[in-house]
Amino acid sequence: MLAQKQRRSWKKIAVHINEEHVETFHKDLAFTLDTLASPSLPKIDDDLKGTVTMNEENIDGTNGCSKVRTGTQNEAALLALMEKTGYNMVQENGQRKFGGPPPGWEGPPPPRGCEVFVGKIPRDMYEDELVPVFERAGKIYEFRLMMEFSGENRGYAFVMYTTKEEAQLAIRILNNYEIRPGKFIGVCVSLDNCRLFIGAIPKEKKKEEILDEMKKVTEGVVDVIVYPSATDKSKNRGFAFVEYESHRAAAMARRKLIPGTFQLWGHTIQVDWADPEKEVDEETMQRVKVLYVRNLMISTTEETIKAEFNKFKPGAVERVKKLRDYAFVHFFNREDAVAAMSVMNGKCIDGASIEVTLAKPVNKENTWRQHLNGQISPNSENLIVFANKEESHPKTLGKLPTLPARLNGQHSPSPPEIERCTYPFFPGTKLTPISMYSLKSNHFNSAVMHLDYYCNKNNWAPPEYYLYSTTSQDGKVLLVYKIVIPAIANGSQSYFMPDKLCTTLEDAKELAAQFTLLHLEGPHLFNYQVKT
């Protein structure tokens, strides 16, 4: 009798294989793999992305059910968990959902920032063991365990809590937690990316035109973010961010807008995931007293900005740092910064309608090399921000960011550094010719390569390097490169040249490229830590 009851209950969480599932299987699989490619997900080992296969031993031909779990004891453990918690459990699209919503839940799902990603889960561990561990941090809204058709899990899961505070607590207490002897899980924030980067858009197109066109060709479009050109406010910058109602809608749109096969207004567009805006905990943001101001005129001065922001309360502004068409306004206290943000957002300065937000702090340990390792890429929408009072922002012709190791006298990586970035090359390994432009920005660890990639991403000609030299007082030959980017050479800034000299060609070229990247759409590329 008990066995019959268990079988009936188990049908609630078993996957039924019927004609409809077979027809949609490949679509679901393609969507799942496309989702795994999203930068909103942490990096996942390739073996987790392998093609899902079904074979006869995984299908029970008598009742048409996939053996999601093997063994009555394991099934009983899951059933006991469901009965104890009152949560439902359903498997769909390669994942098993526990809850979502939990019993008695009313209202919308928890807001963004309440979900964490869990990696390095033992493949034979399931909800009956995992849920109690994650309940230590707070109430679980939904637990999603990624599953193979064989019945094993894929090694990772997503846990959504009811509040952001619970999610942050889970990261603090469960990251590197020893889930089994010698088995440590990784826990980090999960961002449900709903935004696509669309490049190579005609610069004369307005936001309304882009929004209407994207709604025609894709479904679920919520908004379009378009930034005006730094040199001509009547034009856009050649790219836009398209916001969708869900991650699935964004993933389906990305699949449809395959680069090289889809055109808008007769132009072949570039489509990629927008790097999700990094979450900063509320406690940190409550201490911020710096405003980030964008969409300024190139000609607008720091003095003008300071005067405008001081109008609502004279003497409230401590200092202003302007870079190209954006600036950071530092206030003496947070209350004045918040008040100024609400007053000044949308106001006009020198004929330009400005956008004002609180600047987002960066980790003091962040370095240039971290950014070139993929944390921020050319299609990122992250707002660049500040470190603290003692760490100023780079000036146009002033102090530069902390240099990479090789610009500080280390011209080649040490053996341990080489060991960390290499993998064994086994005989018979299949190699495929590719173009460097098909790679992501995180594959480049030099500013020179990154600048070349950035120009190609914007459909610009490669940067041109011009070498100059002088002699120091002690007779050393000092070098500096001037960089010209033909696509923007007729603008307000015809070339880029750092105010530092180097003793080697490699260092001079790297420094010039780094300097140029900092001044090209700076807030979309980097959040530097610099010395005063």
Protein backbone atom coordinates (compact mmCIF):
# COMPACT_ATOMS: atom_id res chain seq x y z
CA MET A 1 0.00 0.00 0.00
CA LEU A 2 2.82 2.35 0.92
CA ALA A 3 4.64 1.54 -2.29
CA GLN A 4 1.52 2.35 -4.33
CA LYS A 5 1.11 5.67 -2.51
CA GLN A 6 4.76 6.52 -3.18
CA ARG A 7 4.38 5.71 -6.87
CA ARG A 8 1.28 7.91 -7.13
CA SER A 9 3.01 10.76 -5.30
CA TRP A 10 6.16 10.33 -7.32
CA LYS A 11 4.24 11.09 -10.50
CA LYS A 12 4.06 14.68 -9.28
CA ILE A 13 7.79 15.05 -9.78
CA ALA A 14 8.48 12.56 -12.55
CA VAL A 15 8.97 13.80 -16.10
CA HIS A 16 6.41 12.35 -18.51
CA ILE A 17 7.84 11.63 -21.93
CA ASN A 18 5.13 12.03 -24.55
CA GLU A 19 4.92 13.26 -28.11
CA GLU A 20 4.74 16.89 -27.06
CA HIS A 21 7.91 16.59 -24.99
CA VAL A 22 9.74 14.84 -27.81
CA GLU A 23 8.78 17.57 -30.28
CA THR A 24 9.89 20.36 -27.96
CA PHE A 25 12.95 18.62 -26.57
CA HIS A 26 15.42 20.05 -29.05
CA LYS A 27 13.97 23.56 -28.70
CA ASP A 28 14.27 23.37 -24.93
CA LEU A 29 17.79 22.01 -25.20
CA ALA A 30 18.86 24.80 -27.55
CA PHE A 31 17.37 27.38 -25.20
CA THR A 32 19.10 25.79 -22.20
CA LEU A 33 22.50 25.86 -23.91
CA ASP A 34 21.92 29.44 -25.07
CA THR A 35 21.02 30.40 -21.51
CA LEU A 36 24.27 28.87 -20.26
CA ALA A 37 26.15 31.21 -22.60
CA SER A 38 24.68 34.27 -20.88
CA PRO A 39 27.19 36.36 -18.87
CA SER A 40 24.54 36.62 -16.16
CA LEU A 41 25.53 33.07 -15.18
CA PRO A 42 28.87 32.29 -13.54
CA LYS A 43 31.35 30.38 -15.64
CA ILE A 44 30.35 26.74 -15.93
CA ASP A 45 32.68 23.91 -16.88
CA ASP A 46 32.23 22.63 -20.42
CA ASP A 47 31.34 19.18 -19.17
CA LEU A 48 28.20 20.69 -17.65
CA LYS A 49 27.08 21.92 -21.07
CA GLY A 50 27.30 18.56 -22.82
CA THR A 51 24.45 17.44 -24.99
CA VAL A 52 21.68 15.79 -23.02
CA THR A 53 20.99 12.30 -24.27
CA MET A 54 18.12 9.92 -23.74
CA ASN A 55 18.54 6.18 -23.98
CA GLU A 56 16.43 3.16 -23.28
CA GLU A 57 17.79 2.56 -19.80
CA ASN A 58 16.69 6.05 -18.74
CA ILE A 59 13.09 5.56 -19.92
CA ASP A 60 10.61 3.28 -18.24
CA GLY A 61 8.67 1.93 -21.18
CA THR A 62 5.85 0.61 -19.03
CA ASN A 63 4.68 3.88 -17.58
CA GLY A 64 6.35 6.44 -19.86
CA CYS A 65 8.22 8.12 -17.01
CA SER A 66 11.86 9.17 -16.86
CA LYS A 67 13.62 7.69 -13.88
CA VAL A 68 14.51 11.06 -12.39
CA ARG A 69 15.76 9.35 -9.23
CA THR A 70 16.67 5.69 -8.86
CA GLY A 71 15.79 3.70 -5.79
CA THR A 72 12.73 3.75 -3.59
CA GLN A 73 14.80 5.13 -0.74
CA ASN A 74 15.84 8.24 -2.69
CA GLU A 75 12.30 8.79 -3.92
CA ALA A 76 11.02 8.48 -0.38
CA ALA A 77 13.53 11.10 0.79
CA LEU A 78 12.21 13.65 -1.71
CA LEU A 79 8.61 12.81 -0.89
CA ALA A 80 9.37 13.25 2.80
CA LEU A 81 10.87 16.68 2.05
CA MET A 82 7.77 17.71 0.12
CA GLU A 83 5.44 16.52 2.87
CA LYS A 84 7.50 18.21 5.58
CA THR A 85 7.77 21.60 3.85
CA GLY A 86 4.55 21.66 1.83
CA TYR A 87 6.52 22.75 -1.25
CA ASN A 88 5.67 21.40 -4.70
CA MET A 89 8.31 19.91 -6.98
CA VAL A 90 8.16 19.99 -10.78
CA GLN A 91 10.73 19.13 -13.45
CA GLU A 92 10.81 21.02 -16.75
CA ASN A 93 13.36 22.14 -19.32
CA GLY A 94 16.22 20.26 -17.70
CA GLN A 95 15.70 21.62 -14.22
CA ARG A 96 13.78 20.51 -11.13
CA LYS A 97 11.96 23.29 -9.31
CA PHE A 98 11.26 23.08 -5.61
CA GLY A 99 8.77 25.77 -4.61
CA GLY A 100 8.35 28.95 -6.60
CA PRO A 101 6.27 30.08 -4.89
CA PRO A 102 6.37 28.47 -1.43
CA PRO A 103 3.16 27.52 0.37
CA GLY A 104 1.04 30.51 1.38
CA TRP A 105 3.00 33.01 -0.72
CA GLU A 106 1.01 36.00 -1.93
CA GLY A 107 2.13 38.76 -4.25
CA PRO A 108 4.90 39.00 -6.85
CA PRO A 109 8.15 37.00 -6.76
CA PRO A 110 11.10 38.41 -4.78
CA PRO A 111 12.96 41.30 -6.45
CA ARG A 112 16.23 41.14 -8.35
CA GLY A 113 19.20 40.29 -6.15
CA CYS A 114 17.45 37.59 -4.09
CA GLU A 115 18.88 34.64 -6.03
CA VAL A 116 22.24 32.92 -5.59
CA PHE A 117 24.12 30.53 -7.86
CA VAL A 118 25.46 27.30 -6.34
CA GLY A 119 28.26 25.44 -8.09
CA LYS A 120 30.40 22.33 -7.55
CA ILE A 121 27.49 20.30 -6.18
CA PRO A 122 28.22 16.54 -6.02
CA ARG A 123 26.33 14.91 -8.91
CA ASP A 124 24.55 12.44 -6.63
CA MET A 125 23.28 15.04 -4.15
CA TYR A 126 19.67 16.19 -4.29
CA GLU A 127 17.12 18.49 -2.69
CA ASP A 128 16.61 16.39 0.44
CA GLU A 129 20.26 17.15 1.38
CA LEU A 130 20.64 20.58 -0.21
CA VAL A 131 17.48 22.37 0.90
CA PRO A 132 18.12 22.01 4.67
CA VAL A 133 21.61 23.46 4.19
CA PHE A 134 20.36 26.53 2.34
CA GLU A 135 17.45 27.05 4.71
CA ARG A 136 20.04 28.09 7.29
CA ALA A 137 20.30 31.46 5.53
CA GLY A 138 16.56 32.13 5.36
CA LYS A 139 13.26 31.23 3.75
CA ILE A 140 13.64 29.69 0.29
CA TYR A 141 11.26 30.99 -2.36
CA GLU A 142 12.48 28.58 -5.03
CA PHE A 143 15.25 26.00 -5.41
CA ARG A 144 16.16 25.04 -8.99
CA LEU A 145 18.46 22.05 -9.44
CA MET A 146 19.77 21.50 -12.97
CA MET A 147 19.21 17.86 -13.99
CA GLU A 148 20.47 15.34 -16.53
CA PHE A 149 17.98 12.89 -18.05
CA SER A 150 20.07 10.14 -16.46
CA GLY A 151 18.85 11.29 -13.05
CA GLU A 152 22.09 12.91 -11.88
CA ASN A 153 22.22 16.64 -11.28
CA ARG A 154 24.44 18.82 -13.47
CA GLY A 155 26.54 20.11 -10.60
CA TYR A 156 24.86 23.46 -10.10
CA ALA A 157 21.64 25.05 -8.87
CA PHE A 158 19.92 28.38 -8.25
CA VAL A 159 18.40 29.31 -4.89
CA MET A 160 16.00 32.24 -4.64
CA TYR A 161 15.34 33.65 -1.19
CA THR A 162 12.51 35.94 -0.16
CA THR A 163 14.83 38.90 0.61
CA LYS A 164 18.17 40.25 -0.59
CA GLU A 165 19.52 40.08 2.95
CA GLU A 166 18.95 36.33 3.07
CA ALA A 167 20.72 35.89 -0.27
CA GLN A 168 23.71 37.89 0.96
CA LEU A 169 23.80 35.82 4.16
CA ALA A 170 23.80 32.62 2.10
CA ILE A 171 26.83 33.84 0.18
CA ARG A 172 28.67 34.74 3.38
CA ILE A 173 28.05 31.51 5.29
CA LEU A 174 27.80 28.93 2.50
CA ASN A 175 30.43 29.92 -0.07
CA ASN A 176 33.22 27.32 0.18
CA TYR A 177 31.02 25.32 2.55
CA GLU A 178 32.07 21.67 2.94
CA ILE A 179 28.87 19.98 1.82
CA ARG A 180 30.47 16.54 2.08
CA PRO A 181 33.90 15.48 3.31
CA GLY A 182 36.36 17.03 0.88
CA LYS A 183 33.56 18.53 -1.29
CA PHE A 184 33.20 22.32 -1.15
CA ILE A 185 30.40 24.21 -2.89
CA GLY A 186 30.65 27.70 -4.33
CA VAL A 187 27.91 30.28 -3.75
CA CYS A 188 27.68 33.68 -5.42
CA VAL A 189 25.04 36.17 -6.51
CA SER A 190 22.99 35.25 -9.59
CA LEU A 191 21.75 37.95 -11.94
CA ASP A 192 18.84 37.18 -14.23
CA ASN A 193 20.05 39.00 -17.33
CA CYS A 194 17.21 40.49 -19.36
CA ARG A 195 19.27 42.90 -21.44
CA LEU A 196 20.90 42.60 -24.88
CA PHE A 197 23.61 44.75 -26.41
CA ILE A 198 22.80 45.78 -30.00
CA GLY A 199 25.72 47.25 -31.94
CA ALA A 200 26.24 48.81 -35.38
CA ILE A 201 23.00 50.80 -35.19
CA PRO A 202 22.77 53.81 -37.53
CA LYS A 203 23.76 56.80 -35.44
CA GLU A 204 20.95 59.01 -36.69
CA LYS A 205 18.25 56.73 -35.25
CA LYS A 206 16.34 57.99 -32.21
CA LYS A 207 15.32 55.96 -29.17
CA GLU A 208 11.68 55.77 -30.29
CA GLU A 209 12.67 54.41 -33.72
CA ILE A 210 14.93 51.75 -32.20
CA LEU A 211 12.27 50.76 -29.67
CA ASP A 212 9.58 50.42 -32.36
CA GLU A 213 11.86 48.38 -34.62
CA MET A 214 12.95 46.01 -31.84
CA LYS A 215 9.32 45.44 -30.86
CA LYS A 216 8.57 44.48 -34.47
CA VAL A 217 11.32 41.88 -34.74
CA THR A 218 11.39 40.45 -31.20
CA GLU A 219 8.87 39.76 -28.45
CA GLY A 220 8.85 40.93 -24.86
CA VAL A 221 10.67 44.26 -25.36
CA VAL A 222 10.21 46.51 -22.34
CA ASP A 223 12.59 49.40 -22.99
CA VAL A 224 15.56 50.58 -25.02
CA ILE A 225 18.50 52.47 -23.55
CA VAL A 226 20.28 54.74 -26.02
CA TYR A 227 23.13 57.10 -25.18
CA PRO A 228 23.86 60.24 -27.21
CA SER A 229 27.21 60.75 -28.87
CA ALA A 230 29.80 62.61 -26.85
CA THR A 231 30.51 64.97 -29.74
CA ASP A 232 27.04 65.32 -31.30
CA LYS A 233 24.05 65.03 -28.98
CA SER A 234 21.68 64.70 -31.95
CA LYS A 235 23.18 61.27 -32.75
CA ASN A 236 23.46 58.04 -30.79
CA ARG A 237 26.71 56.20 -30.10
CA GLY A 238 26.03 53.40 -32.54
CA PHE A 239 24.72 50.94 -29.98
CA ALA A 240 21.77 50.40 -27.66
CA PHE A 241 20.70 48.19 -24.78
CA VAL A 242 17.37 46.41 -25.20
CA GLU A 243 15.54 45.41 -22.02
CA TYR A 244 13.21 42.38 -22.15
CA GLU A 245 10.48 41.24 -19.79
CA SER A 246 12.36 38.08 -18.85
CA HIS A 247 15.65 36.29 -19.35
CA ARG A 248 13.91 33.75 -21.57
CA ALA A 249 12.54 36.51 -23.82
CA ALA A 250 16.03 38.00 -24.09
CA ALA A 251 17.55 34.60 -24.88
CA MET A 252 14.98 33.91 -27.60
CA ALA A 253 15.60 37.36 -29.10
CA ARG A 254 19.35 36.75 -29.08
CA ARG A 255 18.86 33.49 -30.97
CA LYS A 256 16.70 35.23 -33.56
CA LEU A 257 19.07 38.16 -34.09
CA ILE A 258 21.98 36.01 -35.19
CA PRO A 259 24.88 38.26 -36.28
CA GLY A 260 25.48 38.12 -40.01
CA THR A 261 21.96 36.94 -40.82
CA PHE A 262 19.80 39.77 -39.49
CA GLN A 263 19.65 43.41 -40.53
CA LEU A 264 18.02 46.57 -39.20
CA TRP A 265 17.56 49.49 -41.60
CA GLY A 266 19.82 47.70 -44.06
CA HIS A 267 22.65 47.34 -41.53
CA THR A 268 24.01 44.04 -40.24
CA ILE A 269 23.79 44.44 -36.48
CA GLN A 270 25.88 43.00 -33.67
CA VAL A 271 24.06 41.21 -30.87
CA ASP A 272 25.40 40.00 -27.55
CA TRP A 273 24.45 39.78 -23.92
CA ALA A 274 24.85 43.06 -22.09
CA ASP A 275 26.99 42.63 -19.02
CA PRO A 276 24.54 42.80 -16.13
CA GLU A 277 24.90 45.75 -13.82
CA LYS A 278 26.78 44.58 -10.76
CA GLU A 279 24.83 44.60 -7.53
CA VAL A 280 26.24 46.61 -4.61
CA ASP A 281 24.92 45.81 -1.16
CA GLU A 282 22.58 48.35 0.39
CA GLU A 283 24.86 48.95 3.37
CA THR A 284 27.66 50.12 1.07
CA MET A 285 25.36 52.28 -1.06
CA GLN A 286 24.08 54.01 2.08
CA ARG A 287 27.56 55.49 2.55
CA VAL A 288 27.92 56.83 -0.99
CA LYS A 289 28.19 60.61 -1.30
CA VAL A 290 29.42 60.84 -4.89
CA LEU A 291 27.16 61.40 -7.89
CA TYR A 292 27.82 60.07 -11.38
CA VAL A 293 26.74 62.56 -14.06
CA ARG A 294 26.56 61.52 -17.72
CA ASN A 295 25.60 63.03 -21.08
CA LEU A 296 27.55 66.25 -20.51
CA MET A 297 28.83 68.39 -23.34
CA ILE A 298 32.52 67.96 -24.06
CA SER A 299 32.94 71.71 -23.60
CA THR A 300 31.29 71.82 -20.17
CA THR A 301 33.86 72.62 -17.48
CA GLU A 302 34.25 71.32 -13.95
CA GLU A 303 33.61 74.83 -12.66
CA THR A 304 30.26 74.97 -14.48
CA ILE A 305 29.21 71.59 -13.09
CA LYS A 306 30.19 72.58 -9.55
CA ALA A 307 28.26 75.84 -9.82
CA GLU A 308 25.13 74.07 -11.10
CA PHE A 309 25.17 71.44 -8.35
CA ASN A 310 25.82 74.08 -5.69
CA LYS A 311 22.73 76.08 -6.67
CA PHE A 312 20.33 74.12 -4.49
CA LYS A 313 22.70 74.40 -1.48
CA PRO A 314 25.79 76.64 -1.72
CA GLY A 315 28.99 74.96 -0.58
CA ALA A 316 27.57 71.42 -0.66
CA VAL A 317 29.96 70.21 -3.39
CA GLU A 318 33.46 69.22 -2.29
CA ARG A 319 34.96 68.73 -5.76
CA VAL A 320 34.16 67.71 -9.35
CA LYS A 321 36.12 65.41 -11.65
CA LYS A 322 35.08 65.51 -15.32
CA LEU A 323 36.23 62.99 -17.94
CA ARG A 324 35.10 63.50 -21.53
CA ASP A 325 31.26 63.65 -21.32
CA TYR A 326 30.76 62.38 -17.79
CA ALA A 327 31.76 63.52 -14.33
CA PHE A 328 31.87 62.60 -10.66
CA VAL A 329 30.52 65.15 -8.21
CA HIS A 330 31.80 64.66 -4.65
CA PHE A 331 29.71 66.05 -1.78
CA PHE A 332 30.70 66.70 1.82
CA ASN A 333 27.75 64.66 3.10
CA ARG A 334 25.41 62.02 1.72
CA GLU A 335 22.16 63.88 2.41
CA ASP A 336 23.17 66.71 0.09
CA ALA A 337 24.23 64.20 -2.59
CA VAL A 338 20.86 62.43 -2.52
CA ALA A 339 18.97 65.74 -2.57
CA ALA A 340 21.05 67.02 -5.49
CA MET A 341 20.46 63.80 -7.43
CA SER A 342 16.68 64.21 -7.27
CA VAL A 343 16.89 67.89 -8.22
CA MET A 344 19.48 67.68 -11.00
CA ASN A 345 18.52 64.47 -12.80
CA GLY A 346 17.09 65.44 -16.18
CA LYS A 347 18.17 69.07 -15.93
CA CYS A 348 20.04 70.82 -18.76
CA ILE A 349 23.62 72.02 -18.49
CA ASP A 350 25.00 73.88 -21.51
CA GLY A 351 22.08 72.58 -23.57
CA ALA A 352 22.53 68.89 -22.68
CA SER A 353 19.98 66.94 -20.64
CA ILE A 354 22.01 65.13 -17.98
CA GLU A 355 21.48 61.84 -16.14
CA VAL A 356 22.44 61.71 -12.47
CA THR A 357 22.79 58.60 -10.29
CA LEU A 358 24.69 57.57 -7.20
CA ALA A 359 28.14 56.31 -8.14
CA LYS A 360 28.76 52.66 -7.36
CA PRO A 361 31.88 51.88 -5.34
CA VAL A 362 34.46 49.50 -6.72
CA ASN A 363 36.41 46.93 -4.81
CA LYS A 364 39.73 48.44 -3.75
CA GLU A 365 41.46 45.25 -4.82
CA ASN A 366 40.28 45.64 -8.41
CA THR A 367 43.10 46.15 -10.88
CA TRP A 368 43.49 46.74 -14.58
CA ARG A 369 44.28 43.06 -15.09
CA GLN A 370 41.01 42.05 -13.43
CA HIS A 371 39.07 44.13 -15.91
CA LEU A 372 40.90 42.62 -18.85
CA ASN A 373 40.06 39.20 -17.45
CA GLY A 374 36.43 39.69 -18.31
CA GLN A 375 34.74 41.41 -15.39
CA ILE A 376 33.87 44.37 -17.61
CA SER A 377 33.69 44.30 -21.38
CA PRO A 378 33.03 46.80 -24.18
CA ASN A 379 29.31 46.14 -24.10
CA SER A 380 29.06 46.61 -20.35
CA GLU A 381 26.59 49.09 -19.01
CA ASN A 382 28.21 49.31 -15.60
CA LEU A 383 28.54 52.80 -14.23
CA ILE A 384 32.08 53.60 -13.35
CA VAL A 385 32.59 54.75 -10.03
CA PHE A 386 35.06 55.67 -7.36
CA ALA A 387 37.20 54.05 -4.74
CA ASN A 388 37.35 56.53 -1.85
CA LYS A 389 38.47 60.00 -0.86
CA GLU A 390 42.12 59.09 -1.00
CA GLU A 391 41.84 57.58 -4.49
CA SER A 392 41.09 60.19 -7.14
CA HIS A 393 39.99 59.58 -10.69
CA PRO A 394 42.44 59.80 -13.59
CA LYS A 395 42.72 63.20 -15.16
CA THR A 396 42.70 63.79 -18.88
CA LEU A 397 46.31 64.92 -18.76
CA GLY A 398 47.03 64.13 -15.15
CA LYS A 399 47.62 61.03 -13.12
CA LEU A 400 47.07 57.65 -14.69
CA PRO A 401 45.63 54.45 -13.29
CA THR A 402 47.88 51.93 -11.61
CA LEU A 403 49.79 50.18 -14.38
CA PRO A 404 49.80 46.47 -15.16
CA ALA A 405 52.61 44.45 -13.67
CA ARG A 406 54.64 44.47 -16.87
CA LEU A 407 54.58 48.29 -16.89
CA ASN A 408 56.09 48.33 -13.42
CA GLY A 409 59.27 46.62 -14.48
CA GLN A 410 58.08 43.04 -14.89
CA HIS A 411 58.43 42.40 -18.60
CA SER A 412 57.51 38.74 -18.57
CA PRO A 413 55.34 36.57 -16.36
CA SER A 414 56.99 34.38 -13.79
CA PRO A 415 56.78 30.58 -14.11
CA PRO A 416 53.94 30.36 -11.55
CA GLU A 417 51.99 32.97 -13.53
CA ILE A 418 52.52 31.02 -16.75
CA GLU A 419 51.46 27.81 -15.02
CA ARG A 420 48.19 29.38 -13.89
CA CYS A 421 47.14 30.36 -17.41
CA THR A 422 48.17 27.26 -19.35
CA TYR A 423 46.60 23.88 -19.95
CA PRO A 424 48.13 20.63 -21.24
CA PHE A 425 48.09 20.24 -25.03
CA PHE A 426 47.47 16.55 -25.60
CA PRO A 427 48.36 14.82 -28.89
CA GLY A 428 45.34 14.55 -31.16
CA THR A 429 43.57 17.56 -29.63
CA LYS A 430 41.21 19.01 -32.23
CA LEU A 431 42.02 22.62 -33.17
CA THR A 432 39.72 25.02 -35.02
CA PRO A 433 40.92 28.20 -36.79
CA ILE A 434 39.12 31.29 -35.47
CA SER A 435 39.36 35.05 -35.69
CA MET A 436 40.38 37.00 -32.61
CA TYR A 437 37.29 39.15 -33.13
CA SER A 438 35.04 36.16 -32.47
CA LEU A 439 36.40 35.98 -28.93
CA LYS A 440 35.12 37.75 -25.84
CA SER A 441 36.98 40.62 -24.21
CA ASN A 442 37.98 38.37 -21.30
CA HIS A 443 40.39 36.53 -23.63
CA PHE A 444 42.66 39.60 -23.84
CA ASN A 445 45.10 40.49 -21.08
CA SER A 446 46.72 43.51 -22.73
CA ALA A 447 45.38 46.97 -23.41
CA VAL A 448 46.75 46.90 -26.96
CA MET A 449 44.70 43.84 -27.87
CA HIS A 450 41.70 45.16 -25.97
CA LEU A 451 41.76 48.46 -27.88
CA ASP A 452 41.96 46.64 -31.20
CA TYR A 453 39.00 44.47 -30.13
CA TYR A 454 37.03 47.54 -29.01
CA CYS A 455 37.54 49.31 -32.36
CA ASN A 456 36.45 46.22 -34.26
CA LYS A 457 33.39 45.87 -32.01
CA ASN A 458 32.34 49.38 -33.06
CA ASN A 459 33.09 48.75 -36.76
CA TRP A 460 36.02 51.19 -36.65
CA ALA A 461 39.33 50.92 -38.47
CA PRO A 462 42.22 49.69 -36.30
CA PRO A 463 43.98 52.29 -34.11
CA GLU A 464 47.08 53.95 -35.55
CA TYR A 465 50.19 54.21 -33.35
CA TYR A 466 52.79 57.00 -33.79
CA LEU A 467 56.03 56.76 -31.80
CA TYR A 468 57.83 59.78 -30.29
CA SER A 469 60.93 60.02 -28.12
CA THR A 470 62.89 62.39 -25.92
CA THR A 471 66.02 62.15 -23.79
CA SER A 472 66.00 62.36 -20.03
CA GLN A 473 68.50 64.38 -17.99
CA ASP A 474 70.53 61.26 -17.32
CA GLY A 475 70.67 60.38 -21.02
CA LYS A 476 67.94 57.72 -21.17
CA VAL A 477 65.79 57.49 -24.29
CA LEU A 478 62.16 57.89 -23.23
CA LEU A 479 59.28 56.84 -25.47
CA VAL A 480 55.61 57.68 -25.87
CA TYR A 481 52.98 56.66 -28.42
CA LYS A 482 50.28 58.87 -29.88
CA ILE A 483 47.16 56.95 -30.90
CA VAL A 484 44.82 58.09 -33.65
CA ILE A 485 41.50 56.36 -34.21
CA PRO A 486 40.40 57.38 -37.73
CA ALA A 487 36.69 56.88 -37.04
CA ILE A 488 36.65 59.65 -34.44
CA ALA A 489 39.67 61.68 -35.50
CA ASN A 490 37.46 64.50 -36.79
CA GLY A 491 35.78 64.92 -33.41
CA SER A 492 36.75 67.15 -30.51
CA GLN A 493 39.72 64.92 -29.63
CA SER A 494 41.80 63.99 -32.66
CA TYR A 495 44.34 61.82 -30.84
CA PHE A 496 45.20 60.25 -27.50
CA MET A 497 48.60 60.56 -25.83
CA PRO A 498 49.42 59.82 -22.17
CA ASP A 499 51.48 62.24 -20.09
CA LYS A 500 53.92 59.52 -19.00
CA LEU A 501 57.05 58.31 -20.78
CA CYS A 502 58.43 54.77 -20.87
CA THR A 503 61.82 53.21 -21.46
CA THR A 504 60.64 50.32 -23.66
CA LEU A 505 58.48 50.10 -26.77
CA GLU A 506 56.19 47.48 -25.25
CA ASP A 507 55.47 49.55 -22.16
CA ALA A 508 54.90 52.74 -24.15
CA LYS A 509 52.43 51.06 -26.48
CA GLU A 510 50.58 49.35 -23.64
CA LEU A 511 50.36 52.59 -21.68
CA ALA A 512 49.02 54.53 -24.67
CA ALA A 513 46.38 51.89 -25.35
CA GLN A 514 45.35 51.87 -21.70
CA PHE A 515 45.09 55.67 -21.70
CA THR A 516 42.97 55.62 -24.87
CA LEU A 517 40.59 52.97 -23.55
CA LEU A 518 40.06 55.02 -20.42
CA HIS A 519 38.90 58.00 -22.48
CA LEU A 520 36.77 56.10 -24.99
CA GLU A 521 33.35 55.69 -23.43
CA GLY A 522 35.16 55.40 -20.12
CA PRO A 523 32.17 54.56 -17.88
CA HIS A 524 31.22 51.63 -20.11
CA LEU A 525 34.64 50.04 -19.92
CA PHE A 526 36.44 50.36 -16.64
CA ASN A 527 36.26 51.32 -13.01
CA TYR A 528 39.87 52.12 -12.23
CA GLN A 529 41.61 52.34 -8.93
CA VAL A 530 44.18 55.11 -9.12
CA LYS A 531 46.74 56.71 -6.91
CA THR A 532 46.64 60.35 -5.83
